[in-house]
Amino acid sequence: MLMYHTYLKFILNEGERMNLIEQFNNFLSEMKIDYAICGGHAIDLFLGIKTRQHKDLDAVVYWEDRDIIVQYMLNAGWDVYEPIGTPYLHKINDVTNQIKSRTNIWCATPSNPHYKFTEYEKDMYAVDFDNSEQTELDYIEFLFNTRENGAFLYARNKAINLSMDKAILVVDGLPVLAPEMVLLYKSKHIDVLGNQLDFENTHEELSGEQSVWLLDALTVAYPGGHEWLENL
């Protein structure tokens, strides 16, 4: 089992959240689409505490809104990239010219200091980033998902789903992806320190229903077993 020292938890600083998370939420709300905060920030919002530093902002969105999002970000002056295989990305300059081979897009302001995009052929880029904490609204990763028959489908195995009313929570007025679904996504890469810490900080705070759902989901997603199962 992977062992890490758990980060010291501290109360969310209201000014810090207003300066980033609420700006993020306000920016997304202007698109007039459905979305939710996800990733490590969703874990912090669920717990009501800041547990660690975060290098990026992630948003759950839906496939049917992809073109709206891309066009909105382009109109706002952001650079938009779609991954086509690590570490390469296709720069989207026109909403009609997309590859759509992956379930996410990376958006960065031209002045963003932490992500360096280097063109190696027309509209194709390599990326390098420094993993430092994001403190400005200058980078967003959008993660495209499917909702069907009132359920949120897990992108890596659509047999795993969670009803929309339980998948999307409202925390302090902010739409947030439920922690059990966030952890399921993080479960693929437990060698990433932040993912393991998020599980360690969160699994005992889940309700009984949330814990059972995550246990069942991990069992389906990893029929050969998963290290987190013994803690649920």
C-alpha atoms as a PDB file:
ATOM      1  CA  MET A   1       0.000   0.000   0.000  1.00  0.00           C
ATOM      2  CA  LEU A   2       1.279   3.476  -0.814  1.00  0.00           C
ATOM      3  CA  MET A   3       2.143   5.441   2.299  1.00  0.00           C
ATOM      4  CA  TYR A   4       2.329   9.216   2.504  1.00  0.00           C
ATOM      5  CA  HIS A   5       2.402  11.774   5.270  1.00  0.00           C
ATOM      6  CA  THR A   6      -1.021  13.435   5.305  1.00  0.00           C
ATOM      7  CA  TYR A   7      -0.954  17.179   4.758  1.00  0.00           C
ATOM      8  CA  LEU A   8      -1.863  19.390   7.704  1.00  0.00           C
ATOM      9  CA  LYS A   9      -5.428  20.553   7.119  1.00  0.00           C
ATOM     10  CA  PHE A  10      -6.400  24.167   7.588  1.00  0.00           C
ATOM     11  CA  ILE A  11      -9.597  26.170   7.358  1.00  0.00           C
ATOM     12  CA  LEU A  12     -10.344  27.564   3.914  1.00  0.00           C
ATOM     13  CA  ASN A  13      -9.386  31.205   3.763  1.00  0.00           C
ATOM     14  CA  GLU A  14     -12.508  33.051   2.592  1.00  0.00           C
ATOM     15  CA  GLY A  15     -10.530  35.692   0.723  1.00  0.00           C
ATOM     16  CA  GLU A  16      -8.461  33.059  -1.064  1.00  0.00           C
ATOM     17  CA  ARG A  17     -11.569  31.197  -2.194  1.00  0.00           C
ATOM     18  CA  MET A  18     -13.222  34.389  -3.355  1.00  0.00           C
ATOM     19  CA  ASN A  19     -10.092  35.278  -5.312  1.00  0.00           C
ATOM     20  CA  LEU A  20     -10.001  31.999  -7.223  1.00  0.00           C
ATOM     21  CA  ILE A  21     -12.819  29.488  -6.720  1.00  0.00           C
ATOM     22  CA  GLU A  22     -15.639  32.019  -6.813  1.00  0.00           C
ATOM     23  CA  GLN A  23     -14.041  33.844  -9.737  1.00  0.00           C
ATOM     24  CA  PHE A  24     -13.831  30.460 -11.441  1.00  0.00           C
ATOM     25  CA  ASN A  25     -17.481  29.751 -10.688  1.00  0.00           C
ATOM     26  CA  ASN A  26     -18.596  33.198 -11.846  1.00  0.00           C
ATOM     27  CA  PHE A  27     -16.615  32.838 -15.069  1.00  0.00           C
ATOM     28  CA  LEU A  28     -18.181  29.442 -15.834  1.00  0.00           C
ATOM     29  CA  SER A  29     -21.691  30.613 -14.970  1.00  0.00           C
ATOM     30  CA  GLU A  30     -21.489  33.218 -17.736  1.00  0.00           C
ATOM     31  CA  MET A  31     -21.460  30.395 -20.311  1.00  0.00           C
ATOM     32  CA  LYS A  32     -25.025  29.401 -19.361  1.00  0.00           C
ATOM     33  CA  ILE A  33     -24.166  25.695 -19.320  1.00  0.00           C
ATOM     34  CA  ASP A  34     -24.291  22.978 -16.669  1.00  0.00           C
ATOM     35  CA  TYR A  35     -20.991  22.391 -14.905  1.00  0.00           C
ATOM     36  CA  ALA A  36     -19.480  21.428 -11.572  1.00  0.00           C
ATOM     37  CA  ILE A  37     -16.183  22.025  -9.833  1.00  0.00           C
ATOM     38  CA  CYS A  38     -14.200  18.797  -9.648  1.00  0.00           C
ATOM     39  CA  GLY A  39     -10.709  17.536  -8.838  1.00  0.00           C
ATOM     40  CA  GLY A  40      -8.919  18.453  -5.638  1.00  0.00           C
ATOM     41  CA  HIS A  41     -10.875  21.674  -5.181  1.00  0.00           C
ATOM     42  CA  ALA A  42     -14.096  19.653  -5.043  1.00  0.00           C
ATOM     43  CA  ILE A  43     -12.602  17.571  -2.225  1.00  0.00           C
ATOM     44  CA  ASP A  44     -11.685  20.719  -0.284  1.00  0.00           C
ATOM     45  CA  LEU A  45     -15.160  22.179  -0.754  1.00  0.00           C
ATOM     46  CA  PHE A  46     -16.776  18.928   0.422  1.00  0.00           C
ATOM     47  CA  LEU A  47     -14.560  18.826   3.526  1.00  0.00           C
ATOM     48  CA  GLY A  48     -14.831  22.556   4.193  1.00  0.00           C
ATOM     49  CA  ILE A  49     -11.066  22.795   4.598  1.00  0.00           C
ATOM     50  CA  LYS A  50      -8.076  23.284   2.368  1.00  0.00           C
ATOM     51  CA  THR A  51      -6.072  20.076   2.498  1.00  0.00           C
ATOM     52  CA  ARG A  52      -3.257  20.774   0.042  1.00  0.00           C
ATOM     53  CA  GLN A  53      -2.036  22.968  -2.787  1.00  0.00           C
ATOM     54  CA  HIS A  54      -3.688  22.625  -6.197  1.00  0.00           C
ATOM     55  CA  LYS A  55      -1.910  23.132  -9.493  1.00  0.00           C
ATOM     56  CA  ASP A  56      -5.045  23.577 -11.594  1.00  0.00           C
ATOM     57  CA  LEU A  57      -8.781  24.192 -11.762  1.00  0.00           C
ATOM     58  CA  ASP A  58     -10.993  21.428 -13.165  1.00  0.00           C
ATOM     59  CA  ALA A  59     -14.592  21.595 -14.328  1.00  0.00           C
ATOM     60  CA  VAL A  60     -17.021  18.781 -15.114  1.00  0.00           C
ATOM     61  CA  VAL A  61     -19.021  19.640 -18.229  1.00  0.00           C
ATOM     62  CA  TYR A  62     -21.007  17.685 -20.815  1.00  0.00           C
ATOM     63  CA  TRP A  63     -20.305  16.616 -24.368  1.00  0.00           C
ATOM     64  CA  GLU A  64     -23.309  18.422 -25.805  1.00  0.00           C
ATOM     65  CA  ASP A  65     -21.836  21.741 -24.652  1.00  0.00           C
ATOM     66  CA  ARG A  66     -18.304  21.230 -25.969  1.00  0.00           C
ATOM     67  CA  ASP A  67     -18.536  23.594 -28.948  1.00  0.00           C
ATOM     68  CA  ILE A  68     -20.154  26.276 -26.796  1.00  0.00           C
ATOM     69  CA  ILE A  69     -17.298  26.042 -24.312  1.00  0.00           C
ATOM     70  CA  VAL A  70     -14.568  26.097 -26.960  1.00  0.00           C
ATOM     71  CA  GLN A  71     -16.086  29.105 -28.710  1.00  0.00           C
ATOM     72  CA  TYR A  72     -16.604  30.940 -25.423  1.00  0.00           C
ATOM     73  CA  MET A  73     -12.982  30.429 -24.383  1.00  0.00           C
ATOM     74  CA  LEU A  74     -11.679  31.514 -27.796  1.00  0.00           C
ATOM     75  CA  ASN A  75     -13.874  34.623 -27.699  1.00  0.00           C
ATOM     76  CA  ALA A  76     -12.525  35.410 -24.220  1.00  0.00           C
ATOM     77  CA  GLY A  77      -8.975  35.401 -25.609  1.00  0.00           C
ATOM     78  CA  TRP A  78      -7.845  32.122 -24.069  1.00  0.00           C
ATOM     79  CA  ASP A  79      -5.721  29.524 -25.888  1.00  0.00           C
ATOM     80  CA  VAL A  80      -7.525  26.185 -26.204  1.00  0.00           C
ATOM     81  CA  TYR A  81      -5.770  22.833 -26.618  1.00  0.00           C
ATOM     82  CA  GLU A  82      -7.031  19.274 -26.906  1.00  0.00           C
ATOM     83  CA  PRO A  83      -4.739  16.417 -25.815  1.00  0.00           C
ATOM     84  CA  ILE A  84      -3.970  13.888 -28.541  1.00  0.00           C
ATOM     85  CA  GLY A  85      -1.476  11.757 -26.620  1.00  0.00           C
ATOM     86  CA  THR A  86       0.949  12.730 -23.843  1.00  0.00           C
ATOM     87  CA  PRO A  87       2.577  15.244 -23.980  1.00  0.00           C
ATOM     88  CA  TYR A  88       1.155  16.504 -27.273  1.00  0.00           C
ATOM     89  CA  LEU A  89      -1.821  18.758 -27.879  1.00  0.00           C
ATOM     90  CA  HIS A  90      -3.709  20.152 -30.836  1.00  0.00           C
ATOM     91  CA  LYS A  91      -4.371  23.874 -30.610  1.00  0.00           C
ATOM     92  CA  ILE A  92      -7.973  24.692 -31.455  1.00  0.00           C
ATOM     93  CA  ASN A  93      -8.156  27.984 -33.334  1.00  0.00           C
ATOM     94  CA  ASP A  94     -11.577  27.353 -34.865  1.00  0.00           C
ATOM     95  CA  VAL A  95     -14.482  25.514 -33.286  1.00  0.00           C
ATOM     96  CA  THR A  96     -15.030  23.687 -36.595  1.00  0.00           C
ATOM     97  CA  ASN A  97     -11.525  22.183 -36.499  1.00  0.00           C
ATOM     98  CA  GLN A  98     -11.369  19.768 -33.568  1.00  0.00           C
ATOM     99  CA  ILE A  99     -10.039  16.220 -33.283  1.00  0.00           C
ATOM    100  CA  LYS A 100     -12.157  15.263 -30.220  1.00  0.00           C
ATOM    101  CA  SER A 101     -10.123  12.138 -29.510  1.00  0.00           C
ATOM    102  CA  ARG A 102      -9.939  12.714 -25.734  1.00  0.00           C
ATOM    103  CA  THR A 103     -12.398  13.674 -23.029  1.00  0.00           C
ATOM    104  CA  ASN A 104     -10.758  16.930 -21.993  1.00  0.00           C
ATOM    105  CA  ILE A 105      -9.450  20.264 -23.195  1.00  0.00           C
ATOM    106  CA  TRP A 106      -6.839  22.551 -21.645  1.00  0.00           C
ATOM    107  CA  CYS A 107      -7.438  26.294 -21.652  1.00  0.00           C
ATOM    108  CA  ALA A 108      -4.807  28.860 -20.684  1.00  0.00           C
ATOM    109  CA  THR A 109      -4.435  32.590 -20.944  1.00  0.00           C
ATOM    110  CA  PRO A 110      -1.496  33.694 -23.119  1.00  0.00           C
ATOM    111  CA  SER A 111       0.109  35.229 -20.000  1.00  0.00           C
ATOM    112  CA  ASN A 112      -0.207  32.049 -17.936  1.00  0.00           C
ATOM    113  CA  PRO A 113       3.247  31.478 -16.356  1.00  0.00           C
ATOM    114  CA  HIS A 114       3.010  27.808 -15.363  1.00  0.00           C
ATOM    115  CA  TYR A 115       2.171  26.017 -18.629  1.00  0.00           C
ATOM    116  CA  LYS A 116       4.558  26.370 -21.551  1.00  0.00           C
ATOM    117  CA  PHE A 117       3.232  25.308 -24.952  1.00  0.00           C
ATOM    118  CA  THR A 118       5.812  24.803 -27.716  1.00  0.00           C
ATOM    119  CA  GLU A 119       4.725  24.374 -31.341  1.00  0.00           C
ATOM    120  CA  TYR A 120       6.493  21.518 -33.150  1.00  0.00           C
ATOM    121  CA  GLU A 121       4.363  21.572 -36.292  1.00  0.00           C
ATOM    122  CA  LYS A 122       1.342  23.549 -37.432  1.00  0.00           C
ATOM    123  CA  ASP A 123      -1.217  23.693 -34.594  1.00  0.00           C
ATOM    124  CA  MET A 124       0.526  20.820 -32.757  1.00  0.00           C
ATOM    125  CA  TYR A 125       2.183  21.565 -29.441  1.00  0.00           C
ATOM    126  CA  ALA A 126       4.216  19.960 -26.699  1.00  0.00           C
ATOM    127  CA  VAL A 127       3.534  21.105 -23.156  1.00  0.00           C
ATOM    128  CA  ASP A 128       5.636  21.514 -20.067  1.00  0.00           C
ATOM    129  CA  PHE A 129       4.422  22.739 -16.671  1.00  0.00           C
ATOM    130  CA  ASP A 130       5.975  23.399 -13.300  1.00  0.00           C
ATOM    131  CA  ASN A 131       3.331  21.903 -10.944  1.00  0.00           C
ATOM    132  CA  SER A 132       3.250  25.039  -8.804  1.00  0.00           C
ATOM    133  CA  GLU A 133       0.050  26.107  -7.077  1.00  0.00           C
ATOM    134  CA  GLN A 134      -2.430  27.978  -9.246  1.00  0.00           C
ATOM    135  CA  THR A 135      -3.310  31.326  -7.714  1.00  0.00           C
ATOM    136  CA  GLU A 136      -4.833  33.168 -10.688  1.00  0.00           C
ATOM    137  CA  LEU A 137      -7.704  32.359 -13.035  1.00  0.00           C
ATOM    138  CA  ASP A 138      -5.386  31.635 -15.963  1.00  0.00           C
ATOM    139  CA  TYR A 139      -5.766  27.883 -16.544  1.00  0.00           C
ATOM    140  CA  ILE A 140      -8.840  25.610 -16.688  1.00  0.00           C
ATOM    141  CA  GLU A 141      -9.177  21.963 -17.635  1.00  0.00           C
ATOM    142  CA  PHE A 142     -12.647  20.993 -18.875  1.00  0.00           C
ATOM    143  CA  LEU A 143     -13.583  17.319 -18.484  1.00  0.00           C
ATOM    144  CA  PHE A 144     -16.382  16.112 -20.756  1.00  0.00           C
ATOM    145  CA  ASN A 145     -18.890  13.661 -19.371  1.00  0.00           C
ATOM    146  CA  THR A 146     -22.135  11.962 -20.311  1.00  0.00           C
ATOM    147  CA  ARG A 147     -25.454  12.170 -18.496  1.00  0.00           C
ATOM    148  CA  GLU A 148     -28.180   9.770 -19.451  1.00  0.00           C
ATOM    149  CA  ASN A 149     -31.588   8.882 -18.014  1.00  0.00           C
ATOM    150  CA  GLY A 150     -31.033  11.058 -14.984  1.00  0.00           C
ATOM    151  CA  ALA A 151     -27.619   9.576 -14.197  1.00  0.00           C
ATOM    152  CA  PHE A 152     -24.020  10.756 -14.401  1.00  0.00           C
ATOM    153  CA  LEU A 153     -21.959   8.116 -16.232  1.00  0.00           C
ATOM    154  CA  TYR A 154     -18.383   7.343 -15.253  1.00  0.00           C
ATOM    155  CA  ALA A 155     -16.409   8.068 -18.434  1.00  0.00           C
ATOM    156  CA  ARG A 156     -14.030   5.094 -18.127  1.00  0.00           C
ATOM    157  CA  ASN A 157     -16.808   2.538 -17.595  1.00  0.00           C
ATOM    158  CA  LYS A 158     -20.334   3.676 -18.357  1.00  0.00           C
ATOM    159  CA  ALA A 159     -21.774   0.700 -16.497  1.00  0.00           C
ATOM    160  CA  ILE A 160     -20.854   2.709 -13.396  1.00  0.00           C
ATOM    161  CA  ASN A 161     -23.184   5.621 -12.765  1.00  0.00           C
ATOM    162  CA  LEU A 162     -24.592   7.846 -10.064  1.00  0.00           C
ATOM    163  CA  SER A 163     -27.920   9.635 -10.109  1.00  0.00           C
ATOM    164  CA  MET A 164     -27.505  13.281 -11.029  1.00  0.00           C
ATOM    165  CA  ASP A 165     -29.003  14.514  -7.745  1.00  0.00           C
ATOM    166  CA  LYS A 166     -26.255  12.673  -5.877  1.00  0.00           C
ATOM    167  CA  ALA A 167     -23.471  13.228  -8.413  1.00  0.00           C
ATOM    168  CA  ILE A 168     -23.710  17.029  -8.389  1.00  0.00           C
ATOM    169  CA  LEU A 169     -23.821  18.640  -4.961  1.00  0.00           C
ATOM    170  CA  VAL A 170     -24.290  22.275  -4.011  1.00  0.00           C
ATOM    171  CA  VAL A 171     -21.727  23.437  -1.456  1.00  0.00           C
ATOM    172  CA  ASP A 172     -21.956  27.053  -0.293  1.00  0.00           C
ATOM    173  CA  GLY A 173     -23.873  27.822  -3.464  1.00  0.00           C
ATOM    174  CA  LEU A 174     -21.262  26.222  -5.714  1.00  0.00           C
ATOM    175  CA  PRO A 175     -21.922  23.173  -7.954  1.00  0.00           C
ATOM    176  CA  VAL A 176     -19.478  20.448  -6.948  1.00  0.00           C
ATOM    177  CA  LEU A 177     -18.900  16.904  -8.195  1.00  0.00           C
ATOM    178  CA  ALA A 178     -19.625  14.420  -5.402  1.00  0.00           C
ATOM    179  CA  PRO A 179     -16.496  13.214  -3.569  1.00  0.00           C
ATOM    180  CA  GLU A 180     -17.133   9.537  -4.269  1.00  0.00           C
ATOM    181  CA  MET A 181     -17.122  10.237  -8.015  1.00  0.00           C
ATOM    182  CA  VAL A 182     -14.064  12.485  -7.726  1.00  0.00           C
ATOM    183  CA  LEU A 183     -12.202   9.709  -5.901  1.00  0.00           C
ATOM    184  CA  LEU A 184     -13.251   7.133  -8.483  1.00  0.00           C
ATOM    185  CA  TYR A 185     -11.615   9.248 -11.197  1.00  0.00           C
ATOM    186  CA  LYS A 186      -8.524   9.722  -9.039  1.00  0.00           C
ATOM    187  CA  SER A 187      -8.295   5.979  -8.335  1.00  0.00           C
ATOM    188  CA  LYS A 188      -6.626   5.320 -11.695  1.00  0.00           C
ATOM    189  CA  HIS A 189      -3.463   7.169 -10.652  1.00  0.00           C
ATOM    190  CA  ILE A 190      -2.872   6.569  -6.950  1.00  0.00           C
ATOM    191  CA  ASP A 191       0.846   7.013  -7.522  1.00  0.00           C
ATOM    192  CA  VAL A 192       0.104  10.725  -7.899  1.00  0.00           C
ATOM    193  CA  LEU A 193       0.630  12.203  -4.446  1.00  0.00           C
ATOM    194  CA  GLY A 194      -2.389  14.521  -4.566  1.00  0.00           C
ATOM    195  CA  ASN A 195      -4.733  11.682  -5.507  1.00  0.00           C
ATOM    196  CA  GLN A 196      -3.600   9.480  -2.638  1.00  0.00           C
ATOM    197  CA  LEU A 197      -3.816  12.367  -0.191  1.00  0.00           C
ATOM    198  CA  ASP A 198      -7.332  13.208  -1.364  1.00  0.00           C
ATOM    199  CA  PHE A 199      -8.407   9.644  -0.634  1.00  0.00           C
ATOM    200  CA  GLU A 200      -6.699   9.571   2.768  1.00  0.00           C
ATOM    201  CA  ASN A 201      -8.285  12.878   3.763  1.00  0.00           C
ATOM    202  CA  THR A 202     -11.761  12.039   2.489  1.00  0.00           C
ATOM    203  CA  HIS A 203     -12.728   8.376   2.759  1.00  0.00           C
ATOM    204  CA  GLU A 204     -13.599   8.507   6.463  1.00  0.00           C
ATOM    205  CA  GLU A 205     -15.731  11.624   5.889  1.00  0.00           C
ATOM    206  CA  LEU A 206     -17.989   9.946   3.317  1.00  0.00           C
ATOM    207  CA  SER A 207     -21.493   8.986   4.366  1.00  0.00           C
ATOM    208  CA  GLY A 208     -22.288   5.296   4.569  1.00  0.00           C
ATOM    209  CA  GLU A 209     -24.102   5.507   1.237  1.00  0.00           C
ATOM    210  CA  GLN A 210     -21.218   7.313  -0.444  1.00  0.00           C
ATOM    211  CA  SER A 211     -18.691   4.838   0.918  1.00  0.00           C
ATOM    212  CA  VAL A 212     -20.709   1.833  -0.264  1.00  0.00           C
ATOM    213  CA  TRP A 213     -21.120   3.368  -3.716  1.00  0.00           C
ATOM    214  CA  LEU A 214     -17.375   3.976  -4.018  1.00  0.00           C
ATOM    215  CA  LEU A 215     -16.576   0.454  -2.824  1.00  0.00           C
ATOM    216  CA  ASP A 216     -18.964  -1.042  -5.394  1.00  0.00           C
ATOM    217  CA  ALA A 217     -17.664   1.249  -8.149  1.00  0.00           C
ATOM    218  CA  LEU A 218     -14.029   0.371  -7.438  1.00  0.00           C
ATOM    219  CA  THR A 219     -14.913  -3.321  -7.417  1.00  0.00           C
ATOM    220  CA  VAL A 220     -16.465  -3.016 -10.873  1.00  0.00           C
ATOM    221  CA  ALA A 221     -13.753  -0.747 -12.256  1.00  0.00           C
ATOM    222  CA  TYR A 222     -10.911  -2.929 -10.939  1.00  0.00           C
ATOM    223  CA  PRO A 223     -11.999  -6.592 -10.938  1.00  0.00           C
ATOM    224  CA  GLY A 224      -8.446  -7.567 -10.026  1.00  0.00           C
ATOM    225  CA  GLY A 225      -8.626  -5.458  -6.873  1.00  0.00           C
ATOM    226  CA  HIS A 226      -7.626  -1.968  -5.804  1.00  0.00           C
ATOM    227  CA  GLU A 227      -5.570  -0.764  -2.839  1.00  0.00           C
ATOM    228  CA  TRP A 228      -8.271   1.583  -1.600  1.00  0.00           C
ATOM    229  CA  LEU A 229     -10.855  -1.168  -1.133  1.00  0.00           C
ATOM    230  CA  GLU A 230      -9.470  -2.299   2.209  1.00  0.00           C
ATOM    231  CA  ASN A 231     -10.168   1.150   3.667  1.00  0.00           C
ATOM    232  CA  LEU A 232     -13.840   1.297   2.675  1.00  0.00           C
END
